[in-house]
Amino acid sequence: MTRIKESSTNQANKKEIMFTCPVTFTLDKIGGRWKPIIIYNLLSGTKRYGELKKAIPHITEKMLIQHLKELEADNLVKRKALPVVPPHVEYSLTRAGEELNPVLAAMVGWANKNGKPVKSLK
């Protein structure tokens, strides 16, 4: 895998746009194939890892773990490990994550109006 040159013009531009464009900032945090689906599934409440995996059957374990870690690092998801055997880990949305509900609902509305109809959020 190629290392990213931190001093490159491209990296400088990326950092600059992240702090000057709120849309780019938001898409960086919740964009991609899996993050919106993970957030959507957590809108209904706390879920264990296995529940999330069942709810999103096409995601690989690697991708689910990676995106949960990224969402946790971005303060959108909180992870709670309970001290039991076997390990019991629960995921839920933070307040910032819950605030994405109207954003995702607006995206569903836009898709219904301009593309393929999809089921609505709560």
PDB file of N, CA and C in Angstrom:
ATOM      1  N   MET A   1       0.841  -1.171   0.000  1.00  0.00           N
ATOM      2  CA  MET A   1       0.000   0.000   0.000  1.00  0.00           C
ATOM      3  C   MET A   1       0.888   1.236   0.000  1.00  0.00           C
ATOM      4  N   THR A   2       0.541   2.199  -0.814  1.00  0.00           N
ATOM      5  CA  THR A   2       1.322   3.420  -0.942  1.00  0.00           C
ATOM      6  C   THR A   2       1.060   4.353   0.227  1.00  0.00           C
ATOM      7  N   ARG A   3       2.129   4.904   0.764  1.00  0.00           N
ATOM      8  CA  ARG A   3       1.986   5.867   1.855  1.00  0.00           C
ATOM      9  C   ARG A   3       1.552   7.210   1.298  1.00  0.00           C
ATOM     10  N   ILE A   4       0.766   7.929   2.061  1.00  0.00           N
ATOM     11  CA  ILE A   4       0.309   9.253   1.663  1.00  0.00           C
ATOM     12  C   ILE A   4       1.363  10.269   2.090  1.00  0.00           C
ATOM     13  N   LYS A   5       1.783  11.067   1.134  1.00  0.00           N
ATOM     14  CA  LYS A   5       2.765  12.099   1.424  1.00  0.00           C
ATOM     15  C   LYS A   5       2.031  13.281   2.059  1.00  0.00           C
ATOM     16  N   GLU A   6       2.240  13.454   3.368  1.00  0.00           N
ATOM     17  CA  GLU A   6       1.509  14.467   4.123  1.00  0.00           C
ATOM     18  C   GLU A   6       1.798  15.890   3.657  1.00  0.00           C
ATOM     19  N   SER A   7       2.971  16.114   3.074  1.00  0.00           N
ATOM     20  CA  SER A   7       3.325  17.472   2.651  1.00  0.00           C
ATOM     21  C   SER A   7       2.924  17.766   1.211  1.00  0.00           C
ATOM     22  N   SER A   8       2.166  16.859   0.580  1.00  0.00           N
ATOM     23  CA  SER A   8       1.781  17.071  -0.809  1.00  0.00           C
ATOM     24  C   SER A   8       0.747  18.184  -0.928  1.00  0.00           C
ATOM     25  N   THR A   9       0.697  18.770  -2.109  1.00  0.00           N
ATOM     26  CA  THR A   9      -0.289  19.821  -2.384  1.00  0.00           C
ATOM     27  C   THR A   9      -1.700  19.264  -2.247  1.00  0.00           C
ATOM     28  N   ASN A  10      -1.918  18.046  -2.702  1.00  0.00           N
ATOM     29  CA  ASN A  10      -3.229  17.420  -2.601  1.00  0.00           C
ATOM     30  C   ASN A  10      -3.666  17.302  -1.145  1.00  0.00           C
ATOM     31  N   GLN A  11      -2.786  16.892  -0.266  1.00  0.00           N
ATOM     32  CA  GLN A  11      -3.119  16.759   1.155  1.00  0.00           C
ATOM     33  C   GLN A  11      -3.385  18.130   1.778  1.00  0.00           C
ATOM     34  N   ALA A  12      -2.605  19.128   1.384  1.00  0.00           N
ATOM     35  CA  ALA A  12      -2.829  20.490   1.887  1.00  0.00           C
ATOM     36  C   ALA A  12      -4.192  21.000   1.439  1.00  0.00           C
ATOM     37  N   ASN A  13      -4.536  20.755   0.173  1.00  0.00           N
ATOM     38  CA  ASN A  13      -5.848  21.170  -0.340  1.00  0.00           C
ATOM     39  C   ASN A  13      -6.979  20.457   0.396  1.00  0.00           C
ATOM     40  N   LYS A  14      -6.798  19.165   0.657  1.00  0.00           N
ATOM     41  CA  LYS A  14      -7.814  18.388   1.358  1.00  0.00           C
ATOM     42  C   LYS A  14      -8.039  18.942   2.759  1.00  0.00           C
ATOM     43  N   LYS A  15      -6.960  19.247   3.462  1.00  0.00           N
ATOM     44  CA  LYS A  15      -7.082  19.797   4.814  1.00  0.00           C
ATOM     45  C   LYS A  15      -7.771  21.159   4.785  1.00  0.00           C
ATOM     46  N   GLU A  16      -7.424  21.976   3.808  1.00  0.00           N
ATOM     47  CA  GLU A  16      -8.015  23.315   3.696  1.00  0.00           C
ATOM     48  C   GLU A  16      -9.513  23.225   3.429  1.00  0.00           C
ATOM     49  N   ILE A  17      -9.914  22.409   2.481  1.00  0.00           N
ATOM     50  CA  ILE A  17     -11.328  22.310   2.117  1.00  0.00           C
ATOM     51  C   ILE A  17     -12.148  21.711   3.250  1.00  0.00           C
ATOM     52  N   MET A  18     -11.552  20.826   4.042  1.00  0.00           N
ATOM     53  CA  MET A  18     -12.257  20.224   5.171  1.00  0.00           C
ATOM     54  C   MET A  18     -12.701  21.273   6.182  1.00  0.00           C
ATOM     55  N   PHE A  19     -11.906  22.328   6.335  1.00  0.00           N
ATOM     56  CA  PHE A  19     -12.216  23.343   7.341  1.00  0.00           C
ATOM     57  C   PHE A  19     -12.938  24.552   6.766  1.00  0.00           C
ATOM     58  N   THR A  20     -13.075  24.629   5.453  1.00  0.00           N
ATOM     59  CA  THR A  20     -13.767  25.767   4.865  1.00  0.00           C
ATOM     60  C   THR A  20     -15.102  25.392   4.247  1.00  0.00           C
ATOM     61  N   CYS A  21     -15.334  24.113   4.009  1.00  0.00           N
ATOM     62  CA  CYS A  21     -16.582  23.682   3.367  1.00  0.00           C
ATOM     63  C   CYS A  21     -17.324  22.708   4.291  1.00  0.00           C
ATOM     64  N   PRO A  22     -18.446  23.131   4.873  1.00  0.00           N
ATOM     65  CA  PRO A  22     -19.165  22.244   5.788  1.00  0.00           C
ATOM     66  C   PRO A  22     -19.734  21.000   5.116  1.00  0.00           C
ATOM     67  N   VAL A  23     -20.062  21.085   3.846  1.00  0.00           N
ATOM     68  CA  VAL A  23     -20.581  19.907   3.138  1.00  0.00           C
ATOM     69  C   VAL A  23     -19.482  18.857   3.009  1.00  0.00           C
ATOM     70  N   THR A  24     -18.293  19.275   2.627  1.00  0.00           N
ATOM     71  CA  THR A  24     -17.159  18.357   2.514  1.00  0.00           C
ATOM     72  C   THR A  24     -16.837  17.737   3.869  1.00  0.00           C
ATOM     73  N   PHE A  25     -16.869  18.547   4.918  1.00  0.00           N
ATOM     74  CA  PHE A  25     -16.606  18.050   6.268  1.00  0.00           C
ATOM     75  C   PHE A  25     -17.611  16.958   6.634  1.00  0.00           C
ATOM     76  N   THR A  26     -18.908  17.228   6.392  1.00  0.00           N
ATOM     77  CA  THR A  26     -19.963  16.270   6.727  1.00  0.00           C
ATOM     78  C   THR A  26     -19.817  14.983   5.916  1.00  0.00           C
ATOM     79  N   LEU A  27     -19.584  15.126   4.620  1.00  0.00           N
ATOM     80  CA  LEU A  27     -19.425  13.937   3.780  1.00  0.00           C
ATOM     81  C   LEU A  27     -18.210  13.116   4.187  1.00  0.00           C
ATOM     82  N   ASP A  28     -17.163  13.770   4.652  1.00  0.00           N
ATOM     83  CA  ASP A  28     -15.992  13.035   5.115  1.00  0.00           C
ATOM     84  C   ASP A  28     -16.340  12.183   6.336  1.00  0.00           C
ATOM     85  N   LYS A  29     -17.219  12.682   7.181  1.00  0.00           N
ATOM     86  CA  LYS A  29     -17.581  11.969   8.411  1.00  0.00           C
ATOM     87  C   LYS A  29     -18.615  10.867   8.181  1.00  0.00           C
ATOM     88  N   ILE A  30     -19.582  11.088   7.271  1.00  0.00           N
ATOM     89  CA  ILE A  30     -20.667  10.112   7.128  1.00  0.00           C
ATOM     90  C   ILE A  30     -20.791   9.539   5.720  1.00  0.00           C
ATOM     91  N   GLY A  31     -19.906   9.948   4.814  1.00  0.00           N
ATOM     92  CA  GLY A  31     -20.008   9.497   3.434  1.00  0.00           C
ATOM     93  C   GLY A  31     -19.520   8.078   3.235  1.00  0.00           C
ATOM     94  N   GLY A  32     -19.770   7.572   2.062  1.00  0.00           N
ATOM     95  CA  GLY A  32     -19.326   6.231   1.710  1.00  0.00           C
ATOM     96  C   GLY A  32     -20.493   5.270   1.624  1.00  0.00           C
ATOM     97  N   ARG A  33     -20.179   4.031   1.380  1.00  0.00           N
ATOM     98  CA  ARG A  33     -21.203   3.008   1.186  1.00  0.00           C
ATOM     99  C   ARG A  33     -21.829   2.560   2.496  1.00  0.00           C
ATOM    100  N   TRP A  34     -21.049   2.437   3.565  1.00  0.00           N
ATOM    101  CA  TRP A  34     -21.526   1.764   4.763  1.00  0.00           C
ATOM    102  C   TRP A  34     -21.870   2.676   5.929  1.00  0.00           C
ATOM    103  N   LYS A  35     -21.203   3.805   6.082  1.00  0.00           N
ATOM    104  CA  LYS A  35     -21.445   4.643   7.255  1.00  0.00           C
ATOM    105  C   LYS A  35     -22.897   5.100   7.388  1.00  0.00           C
ATOM    106  N   PRO A  36     -23.545   5.569   6.318  1.00  0.00           N
ATOM    107  CA  PRO A  36     -24.950   5.963   6.490  1.00  0.00           C
ATOM    108  C   PRO A  36     -25.841   4.793   6.899  1.00  0.00           C
ATOM    109  N   ILE A  37     -25.539   3.596   6.416  1.00  0.00           N
ATOM    110  CA  ILE A  37     -26.347   2.419   6.758  1.00  0.00           C
ATOM    111  C   ILE A  37     -26.129   2.043   8.224  1.00  0.00           C
ATOM    112  N   ILE A  38     -24.904   2.140   8.686  1.00  0.00           N
ATOM    113  CA  ILE A  38     -24.610   1.860  10.099  1.00  0.00           C
ATOM    114  C   ILE A  38     -25.347   2.860  10.973  1.00  0.00           C
ATOM    115  N   ILE A  39     -25.244   4.137  10.639  1.00  0.00           N
ATOM    116  CA  ILE A  39     -25.927   5.173  11.418  1.00  0.00           C
ATOM    117  C   ILE A  39     -27.433   4.937  11.405  1.00  0.00           C
ATOM    118  N   TYR A  40     -27.985   4.656  10.238  1.00  0.00           N
ATOM    119  CA  TYR A  40     -29.417   4.393  10.107  1.00  0.00           C
ATOM    120  C   TYR A  40     -29.856   3.267  11.044  1.00  0.00           C
ATOM    121  N   ASN A  41     -29.080   2.186  11.088  1.00  0.00           N
ATOM    122  CA  ASN A  41     -29.431   1.049  11.933  1.00  0.00           C
ATOM    123  C   ASN A  41     -29.318   1.362  13.414  1.00  0.00           C
ATOM    124  N   LEU A  42     -28.475   2.314  13.779  1.00  0.00           N
ATOM    125  CA  LEU A  42     -28.337   2.692  15.184  1.00  0.00           C
ATOM    126  C   LEU A  42     -29.359   3.751  15.603  1.00  0.00           C
ATOM    127  N   LEU A  43     -30.062   4.343  14.641  1.00  0.00           N
ATOM    128  CA  LEU A  43     -31.084   5.337  14.987  1.00  0.00           C
ATOM    129  C   LEU A  43     -32.200   4.726  15.832  1.00  0.00           C
ATOM    130  N   SER A  44     -32.436   3.428  15.681  1.00  0.00           N
ATOM    131  CA  SER A  44     -33.505   2.771  16.438  1.00  0.00           C
ATOM    132  C   SER A  44     -33.053   2.355  17.835  1.00  0.00           C
ATOM    133  N   GLY A  45     -31.774   2.554  18.163  1.00  0.00           N
ATOM    134  CA  GLY A  45     -31.295   2.243  19.506  1.00  0.00           C
ATOM    135  C   GLY A  45     -30.007   1.442  19.504  1.00  0.00           C
ATOM    136  N   THR A  46     -29.555   1.137  20.699  1.00  0.00           N
ATOM    137  CA  THR A  46     -28.307   0.415  20.927  1.00  0.00           C
ATOM    138  C   THR A  46     -28.370  -0.968  20.283  1.00  0.00           C
ATOM    139  N   LYS A  47     -27.251  -1.346  19.665  1.00  0.00           N
ATOM    140  CA  LYS A  47     -27.156  -2.657  19.014  1.00  0.00           C
ATOM    141  C   LYS A  47     -25.819  -3.308  19.379  1.00  0.00           C
ATOM    142  N   ARG A  48     -25.850  -4.626  19.465  1.00  0.00           N
ATOM    143  CA  ARG A  48     -24.616  -5.387  19.608  1.00  0.00           C
ATOM    144  C   ARG A  48     -24.008  -5.551  18.229  1.00  0.00           C
ATOM    145  N   TYR A  49     -22.722  -5.906  18.196  1.00  0.00           N
ATOM    146  CA  TYR A  49     -22.022  -6.087  16.929  1.00  0.00           C
ATOM    147  C   TYR A  49     -22.766  -7.079  16.040  1.00  0.00           C
ATOM    148  N   GLY A  50     -23.159  -8.212  16.602  1.00  0.00           N
ATOM    149  CA  GLY A  50     -23.850  -9.246  15.823  1.00  0.00           C
ATOM    150  C   GLY A  50     -25.168  -8.766  15.238  1.00  0.00           C
ATOM    151  N   GLU A  51     -25.873  -7.915  15.972  1.00  0.00           N
ATOM    152  CA  GLU A  51     -27.130  -7.365  15.467  1.00  0.00           C
ATOM    153  C   GLU A  51     -26.876  -6.459  14.260  1.00  0.00           C
ATOM    154  N   LEU A  52     -25.808  -5.656  14.352  1.00  0.00           N
ATOM    155  CA  LEU A  52     -25.456  -4.797  13.220  1.00  0.00           C
ATOM    156  C   LEU A  52     -25.062  -5.633  12.013  1.00  0.00           C
ATOM    157  N   LYS A  53     -24.287  -6.674  12.240  1.00  0.00           N
ATOM    158  CA  LYS A  53     -23.847  -7.544  11.143  1.00  0.00           C
ATOM    159  C   LYS A  53     -25.052  -8.194  10.463  1.00  0.00           C
ATOM    160  N   LYS A  54     -26.026  -8.639  11.243  1.00  0.00           N
ATOM    161  CA  LYS A  54     -27.235  -9.239  10.666  1.00  0.00           C
ATOM    162  C   LYS A  54     -28.070  -8.203   9.920  1.00  0.00           C
ATOM    163  N   ALA A  55     -28.109  -6.985  10.425  1.00  0.00           N
ATOM    164  CA  ALA A  55     -28.906  -5.928   9.804  1.00  0.00           C
ATOM    165  C   ALA A  55     -28.292  -5.450   8.492  1.00  0.00           C
ATOM    166  N   ILE A  56     -26.974  -5.635   8.345  1.00  0.00           N
ATOM    167  CA  ILE A  56     -26.250  -5.200   7.141  1.00  0.00           C
ATOM    168  C   ILE A  56     -25.515  -6.426   6.591  1.00  0.00           C
ATOM    169  N   PRO A  57     -26.225  -7.376   6.004  1.00  0.00           N
ATOM    170  CA  PRO A  57     -25.621  -8.664   5.648  1.00  0.00           C
ATOM    171  C   PRO A  57     -24.513  -8.602   4.606  1.00  0.00           C
ATOM    172  N   HIS A  58     -24.491  -7.593   3.766  1.00  0.00           N
ATOM    173  CA  HIS A  58     -23.486  -7.558   2.703  1.00  0.00           C
ATOM    174  C   HIS A  58     -22.167  -6.909   3.120  1.00  0.00           C
ATOM    175  N   ILE A  59     -22.113  -6.332   4.307  1.00  0.00           N
ATOM    176  CA  ILE A  59     -20.867  -5.709   4.766  1.00  0.00           C
ATOM    177  C   ILE A  59     -19.936  -6.798   5.304  1.00  0.00           C
ATOM    178  N   THR A  60     -18.646  -6.660   5.011  1.00  0.00           N
ATOM    179  CA  THR A  60     -17.685  -7.617   5.552  1.00  0.00           C
ATOM    180  C   THR A  60     -17.376  -7.242   7.002  1.00  0.00           C
ATOM    181  N   GLU A  61     -16.880  -8.203   7.752  1.00  0.00           N
ATOM    182  CA  GLU A  61     -16.512  -7.924   9.142  1.00  0.00           C
ATOM    183  C   GLU A  61     -15.451  -6.837   9.210  1.00  0.00           C
ATOM    184  N   LYS A  62     -14.479  -6.903   8.299  1.00  0.00           N
ATOM    185  CA  LYS A  62     -13.414  -5.909   8.275  1.00  0.00           C
ATOM    186  C   LYS A  62     -13.972  -4.500   8.087  1.00  0.00           C
ATOM    187  N   MET A  63     -14.896  -4.351   7.145  1.00  0.00           N
ATOM    188  CA  MET A  63     -15.480  -3.038   6.873  1.00  0.00           C
ATOM    189  C   MET A  63     -16.329  -2.549   8.041  1.00  0.00           C
ATOM    190  N   LEU A  64     -17.118  -3.450   8.636  1.00  0.00           N
ATOM    191  CA  LEU A  64     -17.955  -3.049   9.762  1.00  0.00           C
ATOM    192  C   LEU A  64     -17.089  -2.593  10.928  1.00  0.00           C
ATOM    193  N   ILE A  65     -16.070  -3.348  11.255  1.00  0.00           N
ATOM    194  CA  ILE A  65     -15.178  -2.969  12.354  1.00  0.00           C
ATOM    195  C   ILE A  65     -14.482  -1.649  12.040  1.00  0.00           C
ATOM    196  N   GLN A  66     -13.965  -1.505  10.832  1.00  0.00           N
ATOM    197  CA  GLN A  66     -13.249  -0.288  10.438  1.00  0.00           C
ATOM    198  C   GLN A  66     -14.155   0.934  10.530  1.00  0.00           C
ATOM    199  N   HIS A  67     -15.367   0.828   9.996  1.00  0.00           N
ATOM    200  CA  HIS A  67     -16.267   1.980   9.998  1.00  0.00           C
ATOM    201  C   HIS A  67     -16.787   2.299  11.396  1.00  0.00           C
ATOM    202  N   LEU A  68     -17.024   1.282  12.215  1.00  0.00           N
ATOM    203  CA  LEU A  68     -17.413   1.554  13.596  1.00  0.00           C
ATOM    204  C   LEU A  68     -16.313   2.296  14.335  1.00  0.00           C
ATOM    205  N   LYS A  69     -15.056   1.916  14.109  1.00  0.00           N
ATOM    206  CA  LYS A  69     -13.931   2.621  14.738  1.00  0.00           C
ATOM    207  C   LYS A  69     -13.846   4.064  14.256  1.00  0.00           C
ATOM    208  N   GLU A  70     -14.042   4.280  12.950  1.00  0.00           N
ATOM    209  CA  GLU A  70     -13.998   5.637  12.406  1.00  0.00           C
ATOM    210  C   GLU A  70     -15.141   6.487  12.956  1.00  0.00           C
ATOM    211  N   LEU A  71     -16.340   5.911  13.013  1.00  0.00           N
ATOM    212  CA  LEU A  71     -17.484   6.646  13.548  1.00  0.00           C
ATOM    213  C   LEU A  71     -17.294   6.955  15.029  1.00  0.00           C
ATOM    214  N   GLU A  72     -16.652   6.055  15.754  1.00  0.00           N
ATOM    215  CA  GLU A  72     -16.348   6.296  17.165  1.00  0.00           C
ATOM    216  C   GLU A  72     -15.305   7.411  17.300  1.00  0.00           C
ATOM    217  N   ALA A  73     -14.274   7.369  16.464  1.00  0.00           N
ATOM    218  CA  ALA A  73     -13.240   8.403  16.503  1.00  0.00           C
ATOM    219  C   ALA A  73     -13.808   9.782  16.149  1.00  0.00           C
ATOM    220  N   ASP A  74     -14.835   9.804  15.309  1.00  0.00           N
ATOM    221  CA  ASP A  74     -15.473  11.064  14.919  1.00  0.00           C
ATOM    222  C   ASP A  74     -16.597  11.465  15.876  1.00  0.00           C
ATOM    223  N   ASN A  75     -16.722  10.754  16.985  1.00  0.00           N
ATOM    224  CA  ASN A  75     -17.703  11.049  18.029  1.00  0.00           C
ATOM    225  C   ASN A  75     -19.148  10.964  17.533  1.00  0.00           C
ATOM    226  N   LEU A  76     -19.416  10.027  16.625  1.00  0.00           N
ATOM    227  CA  LEU A  76     -20.775   9.808  16.150  1.00  0.00           C
ATOM    228  C   LEU A  76     -21.375   8.537  16.753  1.00  0.00           C
ATOM    229  N   VAL A  77     -20.501   7.613  17.142  1.00  0.00           N
ATOM    230  CA  VAL A  77     -20.912   6.337  17.735  1.00  0.00           C
ATOM    231  C   VAL A  77     -20.123   6.132  19.015  1.00  0.00           C
ATOM    232  N   LYS A  78     -20.803   5.589  20.030  1.00  0.00           N
ATOM    233  CA  LYS A  78     -20.079   5.219  21.245  1.00  0.00           C
ATOM    234  C   LYS A  78     -20.093   3.706  21.394  1.00  0.00           C
ATOM    235  N   ARG A  79     -18.989   3.194  21.869  1.00  0.00           N
ATOM    236  CA  ARG A  79     -18.796   1.754  22.047  1.00  0.00           C
ATOM    237  C   ARG A  79     -18.725   1.482  23.541  1.00  0.00           C
ATOM    238  N   LYS A  80     -19.521   0.519  23.983  1.00  0.00           N
ATOM    239  CA  LYS A  80     -19.523   0.163  25.395  1.00  0.00           C
ATOM    240  C   LYS A  80     -19.210  -1.320  25.518  1.00  0.00           C
ATOM    241  N   ALA A  81     -18.067  -1.623  26.119  1.00  0.00           N
ATOM    242  CA  ALA A  81     -17.663  -3.012  26.343  1.00  0.00           C
ATOM    243  C   ALA A  81     -18.059  -3.397  27.759  1.00  0.00           C
ATOM    244  N   LEU A  82     -18.884  -4.430  27.879  1.00  0.00           N
ATOM    245  CA  LEU A  82     -19.325  -4.874  29.191  1.00  0.00           C
ATOM    246  C   LEU A  82     -18.411  -5.984  29.688  1.00  0.00           C
ATOM    247  N   PRO A  83     -18.068  -5.957  30.970  1.00  0.00           N
ATOM    248  CA  PRO A  83     -17.114  -6.928  31.534  1.00  0.00           C
ATOM    249  C   PRO A  83     -17.753  -8.288  31.806  1.00  0.00           C
ATOM    250  N   VAL A  84     -18.091  -8.996  30.727  1.00  0.00           N
ATOM    251  CA  VAL A  84     -18.672 -10.329  30.864  1.00  0.00           C
ATOM    252  C   VAL A  84     -17.956 -11.283  29.920  1.00  0.00           C
ATOM    253  N   VAL A  85     -18.161 -12.579  30.146  1.00  0.00           N
ATOM    254  CA  VAL A  85     -17.603 -13.593  29.267  1.00  0.00           C
ATOM    255  C   VAL A  85     -18.771 -14.360  28.672  1.00  0.00           C
ATOM    256  N   PRO A  86     -18.876 -14.491  27.373  1.00  0.00           N
ATOM    257  CA  PRO A  86     -18.001 -13.931  26.339  1.00  0.00           C
ATOM    258  C   PRO A  86     -18.167 -12.414  26.244  1.00  0.00           C
ATOM    259  N   PRO A  87     -17.197 -11.748  25.606  1.00  0.00           N
ATOM    260  CA  PRO A  87     -17.248 -10.291  25.518  1.00  0.00           C
ATOM    261  C   PRO A  87     -18.568  -9.804  24.923  1.00  0.00           C
ATOM    262  N   HIS A  88     -19.069  -8.744  25.483  1.00  0.00           N
ATOM    263  CA  HIS A  88     -20.348  -8.159  25.066  1.00  0.00           C
ATOM    264  C   HIS A  88     -20.077  -6.682  24.782  1.00  0.00           C
ATOM    265  N   VAL A  89     -20.209  -6.297  23.516  1.00  0.00           N
ATOM    266  CA  VAL A  89     -19.952  -4.908  23.121  1.00  0.00           C
ATOM    267  C   VAL A  89     -21.221  -4.342  22.514  1.00  0.00           C
ATOM    268  N   GLU A  90     -21.586  -3.144  22.942  1.00  0.00           N
ATOM    269  CA  GLU A  90     -22.768  -2.471  22.428  1.00  0.00           C
ATOM    270  C   GLU A  90     -22.363  -1.170  21.746  1.00  0.00           C
ATOM    271  N   TYR A  91     -23.084  -0.853  20.689  1.00  0.00           N
ATOM    272  CA  TYR A  91     -22.850   0.390  19.950  1.00  0.00           C
ATOM    273  C   TYR A  91     -24.129   1.221  19.965  1.00  0.00           C
ATOM    274  N   SER A  92     -23.959   2.521  20.142  1.00  0.00           N
ATOM    275  CA  SER A  92     -25.096   3.433  20.095  1.00  0.00           C
ATOM    276  C   SER A  92     -24.613   4.762  19.527  1.00  0.00           C
ATOM    277  N   LEU A  93     -25.560   5.585  19.153  1.00  0.00           N
ATOM    278  CA  LEU A  93     -25.210   6.896  18.617  1.00  0.00           C
ATOM    279  C   LEU A  93     -24.963   7.880  19.749  1.00  0.00           C
ATOM    280  N   THR A  94     -24.020   8.765  19.535  1.00  0.00           N
ATOM    281  CA  THR A  94     -23.829   9.888  20.443  1.00  0.00           C
ATOM    282  C   THR A  94     -24.895  10.929  20.101  1.00  0.00           C
ATOM    283  N   ARG A  95     -24.917  12.013  20.839  1.00  0.00           N
ATOM    284  CA  ARG A  95     -25.859  13.092  20.526  1.00  0.00           C
ATOM    285  C   ARG A  95     -25.604  13.609  19.111  1.00  0.00           C
ATOM    286  N   ALA A  96     -24.334  13.763  18.756  1.00  0.00           N
ATOM    287  CA  ALA A  96     -23.999  14.227  17.400  1.00  0.00           C
ATOM    288  C   ALA A  96     -24.486  13.228  16.356  1.00  0.00           C
ATOM    289  N   GLY A  97     -24.378  11.947  16.641  1.00  0.00           N
ATOM    290  CA  GLY A  97     -24.865  10.925  15.724  1.00  0.00           C
ATOM    291  C   GLY A  97     -26.378  10.970  15.580  1.00  0.00           C
ATOM    292  N   GLU A  98     -27.077  11.173  16.695  1.00  0.00           N
ATOM    293  CA  GLU A  98     -28.540  11.263  16.657  1.00  0.00           C
ATOM    294  C   GLU A  98     -29.006  12.477  15.853  1.00  0.00           C
ATOM    295  N   GLU A  99     -28.206  13.536  15.864  1.00  0.00           N
ATOM    296  CA  GLU A  99     -28.563  14.747  15.123  1.00  0.00           C
ATOM    297  C   GLU A  99     -28.516  14.543  13.614  1.00  0.00           C
ATOM    298  N   LEU A 100     -27.993  13.406  13.172  1.00  0.00           N
ATOM    299  CA  LEU A 100     -27.957  13.100  11.742  1.00  0.00           C
ATOM    300  C   LEU A 100     -29.284  12.546  11.225  1.00  0.00           C
ATOM    301  N   ASN A 101     -30.223  12.242  12.110  1.00  0.00           N
ATOM    302  CA  ASN A 101     -31.511  11.696  11.683  1.00  0.00           C
ATOM    303  C   ASN A 101     -32.191  12.574  10.630  1.00  0.00           C
ATOM    304  N   PRO A 102     -32.343  13.898  10.852  1.00  0.00           N
ATOM    305  CA  PRO A 102     -32.994  14.708   9.804  1.00  0.00           C
ATOM    306  C   PRO A 102     -32.173  14.790   8.521  1.00  0.00           C
ATOM    307  N   VAL A 103     -30.861  14.694   8.637  1.00  0.00           N
ATOM    308  CA  VAL A 103     -30.003  14.721   7.445  1.00  0.00           C
ATOM    309  C   VAL A 103     -30.283  13.487   6.590  1.00  0.00           C
ATOM    310  N   LEU A 104     -30.297  12.315   7.229  1.00  0.00           N
ATOM    311  CA  LEU A 104     -30.572  11.080   6.500  1.00  0.00           C
ATOM    312  C   LEU A 104     -32.006  11.071   5.966  1.00  0.00           C
ATOM    313  N   ALA A 105     -32.959  11.591   6.752  1.00  0.00           N
ATOM    314  CA  ALA A 105     -34.351  11.652   6.292  1.00  0.00           C
ATOM    315  C   ALA A 105     -34.464  12.550   5.058  1.00  0.00           C
ATOM    316  N   ALA A 106     -33.729  13.666   5.045  1.00  0.00           N
ATOM    317  CA  ALA A 106     -33.740  14.555   3.870  1.00  0.00           C
ATOM    318  C   ALA A 106     -33.150  13.851   2.659  1.00  0.00           C
ATOM    319  N   MET A 107     -32.132  13.027   2.867  1.00  0.00           N
ATOM    320  CA  MET A 107     -31.529  12.285   1.764  1.00  0.00           C
ATOM    321  C   MET A 107     -32.521  11.263   1.206  1.00  0.00           C
ATOM    322  N   VAL A 108     -33.289  10.618   2.088  1.00  0.00           N
ATOM    323  CA  VAL A 108     -34.322   9.673   1.641  1.00  0.00           C
ATOM    324  C   VAL A 108     -35.370  10.419   0.820  1.00  0.00           C
ATOM    325  N   GLY A 109     -35.798  11.585   1.300  1.00  0.00           N
ATOM    326  CA  GLY A 109     -36.778  12.377   0.572  1.00  0.00           C
ATOM    327  C   GLY A 109     -36.282  12.785  -0.799  1.00  0.00           C
ATOM    328  N   TRP A 110     -35.029  13.189  -0.871  1.00  0.00           N
ATOM    329  CA  TRP A 110     -34.450  13.580  -2.157  1.00  0.00           C
ATOM    330  C   TRP A 110     -34.404  12.389  -3.107  1.00  0.00           C
ATOM    331  N   ALA A 111     -34.002  11.220  -2.589  1.00  0.00           N
ATOM    332  CA  ALA A 111     -33.937  10.013  -3.427  1.00  0.00           C
ATOM    333  C   ALA A 111     -35.322   9.622  -3.931  1.00  0.00           C
ATOM    334  N   ASN A 112     -36.324   9.734  -3.072  1.00  0.00           N
ATOM    335  CA  ASN A 112     -37.693   9.404  -3.496  1.00  0.00           C
ATOM    336  C   ASN A 112     -38.182  10.350  -4.587  1.00  0.00           C
ATOM    337  N   LYS A 113     -37.773  11.595  -4.511  1.00  0.00           N
ATOM    338  CA  LYS A 113     -38.215  12.584  -5.490  1.00  0.00           C
ATOM    339  C   LYS A 113     -37.436  12.480  -6.797  1.00  0.00           C
ATOM    340  N   ASN A 114     -36.161  12.181  -6.724  1.00  0.00           N
ATOM    341  CA  ASN A 114     -35.285  12.262  -7.882  1.00  0.00           C
ATOM    342  C   ASN A 114     -34.703  10.947  -8.363  1.00  0.00           C
ATOM    343  N   GLY A 115     -35.001   9.895  -7.703  1.00  0.00           N
ATOM    344  CA  GLY A 115     -34.395   8.621  -8.089  1.00  0.00           C
ATOM    345  C   GLY A 115     -35.297   7.477  -7.747  1.00  0.00           C
ATOM    346  N   LYS A 116     -34.684   6.434  -7.318  1.00  0.00           N
ATOM    347  CA  LYS A 116     -35.410   5.228  -6.973  1.00  0.00           C
ATOM    348  C   LYS A 116     -36.098   5.425  -5.611  1.00  0.00           C
ATOM    349  N   PRO A 117     -37.378   5.114  -5.498  1.00  0.00           N
ATOM    350  CA  PRO A 117     -38.060   5.221  -4.193  1.00  0.00           C
ATOM    351  C   PRO A 117     -37.420   4.291  -3.163  1.00  0.00           C
ATOM    352  N   VAL A 118     -37.266   4.812  -1.978  1.00  0.00           N
ATOM    353  CA  VAL A 118     -36.698   4.035  -0.867  1.00  0.00           C
ATOM    354  C   VAL A 118     -37.585   4.179   0.353  1.00  0.00           C
ATOM    355  N   LYS A 119     -37.433   3.264   1.304  1.00  0.00           N
ATOM    356  CA  LYS A 119     -38.271   3.368   2.488  1.00  0.00           C
ATOM    357  C   LYS A 119     -37.782   4.542   3.339  1.00  0.00           C
ATOM    358  N   SER A 120     -38.703   5.142   4.037  1.00  0.00           N
ATOM    359  CA  SER A 120     -38.391   6.330   4.811  1.00  0.00           C
ATOM    360  C   SER A 120     -37.791   5.965   6.153  1.00  0.00           C
ATOM    361  N   LEU A 121     -37.141   6.947   6.755  1.00  0.00           N
ATOM    362  CA  LEU A 121     -36.638   6.803   8.118  1.00  0.00           C
ATOM    363  C   LEU A 121     -37.764   7.160   9.059  1.00  0.00           C
ATOM    364  N   LYS A 122     -37.797   6.558  10.176  1.00  0.00           N
ATOM    365  CA  LYS A 122     -38.789   6.789  11.231  1.00  0.00           C
ATOM    366  C   LYS A 122     -39.697   7.930  10.933  1.00  0.00           C
TER     367      LYS A 122
END
